[in-house]
Amino acid sequence: MAPVTSSYEVTSSIPPARLFKATILEEKHLHKILPQGVKSVEILEGDGGVGTIKLTTFVDGGEHKTAKQRVDGIDKEKFTYSYTVLEADGFNDVIEKICCVIKFEPSADGGSICKTTNTYHPKGGAQISEEHLKGGKEMGLGMVKAVEAYLQANPTAYN
C-alpha cells in the first residue's frame, strides 16, 4: 500500500519564534505545558539535533502510552522541524512509521500559522484509515492550542 499524506493548518496569536521555542526547542518541558497529556519527553540517543531519538510518555489513562521519534531536520531560522514517529502503541499492525514536517510561519496579525504535513507509511498491505488521519490531526491541533493558551497565560515564558 502506498503512503497516505494528511496536511492541516492551525493559527495562533503567538509569534512563530516563541511558539517554535516552546513546542519544538524546549519540548522536554511539554509535561509542564500539557500536564493533561504528556508525562515526559526524554532523549534516548543524541544531543537533540538531527538523528536524536526521543521517547514521549503520555499520561496514564490516555489513548496512547508512548511514542518514539527520530529528529530528521530542524531549522531554527525558518522555524521548521521534521521528524519520524518510529514506534507508537497505536500503530498496531497498520502503521510502519509516520513522517512529519511542521513549519511555523508569521501571520498578518503578528501571530503564527502552523502548517503540518504527516505522511503515514502502512505495514505491508494494511490500509490507513480516516480514523488514523483524524487522530493525528486532532492531536496536533490540540497541542498547538494548548501551548498557545499556556503562553498567553505566562507572557514571560519562552521569550
Protein backbone atom coordinates (compact mmCIF):
# COMPACT_ATOMS: atom_id res chain seq x y z
CA MET A 1 0.00 0.00 0.00
CA ALA A 2 1.22 3.50 -0.84
CA PRO A 3 1.87 6.12 1.86
CA VAL A 4 -1.03 8.44 2.73
CA THR A 5 -0.42 12.15 3.36
CA SER A 6 -2.51 14.46 5.50
CA SER A 7 -1.92 18.22 5.84
CA TYR A 8 -3.55 20.82 8.03
CA GLU A 9 -3.00 24.34 9.35
CA VAL A 10 -3.75 25.97 12.67
CA THR A 11 -3.47 29.65 13.51
CA SER A 12 -2.14 31.06 16.74
CA SER A 13 -1.84 34.52 18.25
CA ILE A 14 1.72 33.65 19.36
CA PRO A 15 4.62 34.74 17.08
CA PRO A 16 6.47 31.91 15.28
CA ALA A 17 9.78 32.20 17.18
CA ARG A 18 8.13 31.86 20.59
CA LEU A 19 5.74 29.09 19.53
CA PHE A 20 8.62 27.17 17.88
CA LYS A 21 10.74 27.52 21.01
CA ALA A 22 8.00 26.29 23.36
CA THR A 23 6.76 23.50 21.11
CA ILE A 24 9.98 22.24 19.49
CA LEU A 25 13.18 23.57 21.06
CA GLU A 26 12.02 23.16 24.66
CA GLU A 27 9.98 20.03 24.03
CA LYS A 28 11.37 18.36 27.16
CA HIS A 29 9.17 20.77 29.15
CA LEU A 30 5.92 19.79 27.40
CA HIS A 31 4.79 17.94 30.52
CA LYS A 32 4.60 21.36 32.25
CA ILE A 33 2.60 22.90 29.39
CA LEU A 34 0.43 19.82 28.70
CA PRO A 35 0.18 18.00 32.05
CA GLN A 36 -3.15 16.52 30.98
CA GLY A 37 -1.49 14.71 28.05
CA VAL A 38 2.31 14.43 28.32
CA LYS A 39 4.10 12.77 31.22
CA SER A 40 7.65 13.19 29.88
CA VAL A 41 9.88 13.62 26.83
CA GLU A 42 13.33 12.06 27.16
CA ILE A 43 16.27 11.80 24.83
CA LEU A 44 17.32 8.18 24.35
CA GLU A 45 20.15 8.87 21.88
CA GLY A 46 21.78 12.04 20.57
CA ASP A 47 22.03 15.68 21.59
CA GLY A 48 18.63 16.98 20.47
CA GLY A 49 19.71 17.65 16.89
CA VAL A 50 19.27 15.63 13.71
CA GLY A 51 19.39 11.90 14.39
CA THR A 52 18.27 12.22 18.02
CA ILE A 53 15.86 9.54 19.24
CA LYS A 54 13.24 10.72 21.75
CA LEU A 55 10.64 8.88 23.78
CA THR A 56 7.41 10.66 24.69
CA THR A 57 5.45 9.10 27.52
CA PHE A 58 1.81 10.11 27.78
CA VAL A 59 -0.23 10.35 30.99
CA ASP A 60 -1.87 7.24 32.40
CA GLY A 61 -5.39 6.61 31.19
CA GLY A 62 -4.85 8.32 27.83
CA GLU A 63 -5.36 6.82 24.42
CA HIS A 64 -1.60 6.29 23.90
CA LYS A 65 1.18 5.26 26.27
CA THR A 66 4.40 6.06 24.39
CA ALA A 67 5.80 7.22 21.06
CA LYS A 68 9.41 7.00 19.86
CA GLN A 69 10.57 9.54 17.29
CA ARG A 70 13.72 10.47 15.40
CA VAL A 71 14.61 14.08 14.60
CA ASP A 72 15.12 14.34 10.82
CA GLY A 73 15.63 18.09 10.48
CA ILE A 74 15.47 21.31 12.42
CA ASP A 75 15.86 24.86 11.10
CA LYS A 76 15.83 27.44 13.88
CA GLU A 77 15.76 30.38 11.45
CA LYS A 78 12.90 29.11 9.29
CA PHE A 79 11.05 27.55 12.26
CA THR A 80 10.82 24.17 10.55
CA TYR A 81 11.00 20.78 12.22
CA SER A 82 10.80 17.33 10.68
CA TYR A 83 10.72 14.03 12.48
CA THR A 84 9.67 10.41 12.06
CA VAL A 85 7.49 8.56 14.56
CA LEU A 86 9.18 5.16 14.58
CA GLU A 87 7.08 3.38 17.20
CA ALA A 88 3.83 4.05 18.99
CA ASP A 89 1.40 1.78 20.76
CA GLY A 90 -1.35 2.98 18.42
CA PHE A 91 0.47 1.67 15.32
CA ASN A 92 -0.62 -1.96 15.85
CA ASP A 93 -0.18 -3.90 12.61
CA VAL A 94 -1.24 -0.98 10.43
CA ILE A 95 1.43 1.74 10.52
CA GLU A 96 5.15 1.26 9.93
CA LYS A 97 6.07 4.91 10.57
CA ILE A 98 4.79 8.48 10.27
CA CYS A 99 7.00 11.19 8.71
CA CYS A 100 6.06 14.67 9.93
CA VAL A 101 7.01 18.19 8.86
CA ILE A 102 5.97 21.23 10.91
CA LYS A 103 6.52 24.83 9.83
CA PHE A 104 5.64 27.93 11.82
CA GLU A 105 5.07 30.95 9.56
CA PRO A 106 4.22 34.52 10.55
CA SER A 107 0.62 35.60 10.06
CA ALA A 108 -0.53 39.11 9.10
CA ASP A 109 -1.76 39.80 12.65
CA GLY A 110 1.63 39.11 14.28
CA GLY A 111 0.80 35.54 15.25
CA SER A 112 1.59 32.26 13.52
CA ILE A 113 0.28 29.77 11.05
CA CYS A 114 1.42 26.27 11.96
CA LYS A 115 1.49 24.09 8.83
CA THR A 116 1.80 20.35 9.38
CA THR A 117 2.17 17.51 6.88
CA ASN A 118 2.08 13.91 8.11
CA THR A 119 2.88 11.01 5.78
CA TYR A 120 1.66 7.65 7.05
CA HIS A 121 3.56 4.59 5.81
CA PRO A 122 1.47 1.42 6.17
CA LYS A 123 2.82 -2.02 7.06
CA GLY A 124 2.53 -4.48 4.18
CA GLY A 125 -0.89 -4.24 2.58
CA ALA A 126 -2.55 -2.50 5.53
CA GLN A 127 -4.95 0.38 4.93
CA ILE A 128 -4.53 3.74 6.66
CA SER A 129 -7.98 4.69 7.91
CA GLU A 130 -9.59 8.10 8.20
CA GLU A 131 -9.53 7.40 11.94
CA HIS A 132 -5.69 7.41 11.92
CA LEU A 133 -5.60 10.66 9.93
CA LYS A 134 -8.21 12.31 12.14
CA GLY A 135 -6.40 11.24 15.33
CA GLY A 136 -3.08 12.70 14.15
CA LYS A 137 -4.70 15.97 13.16
CA GLU A 138 -6.65 16.30 16.42
CA MET A 139 -3.51 15.62 18.46
CA GLY A 140 -1.52 18.25 16.54
CA LEU A 141 -4.25 20.89 16.70
CA GLY A 142 -4.81 20.26 20.39
CA MET A 143 -1.11 20.57 21.17
CA VAL A 144 -0.69 23.91 19.38
CA LYS A 145 -3.79 25.35 21.05
CA ALA A 146 -2.69 24.11 24.50
CA VAL A 147 0.79 25.63 24.05
CA GLU A 148 -0.82 28.88 22.84
CA ALA A 149 -3.06 29.02 25.94
CA TYR A 150 -0.07 28.36 28.22
CA LEU A 151 1.99 31.10 26.57
CA GLN A 152 -0.88 33.59 26.76
CA ALA A 153 -1.25 32.85 30.48
CA ASN A 154 2.54 33.06 31.00
CA PRO A 155 3.67 36.07 28.92
CA THR A 156 7.32 35.85 30.03
CA ALA A 157 7.73 32.13 29.30
CA TYR A 158 9.80 31.05 26.27
CA ASN A 159 10.74 34.54 25.11
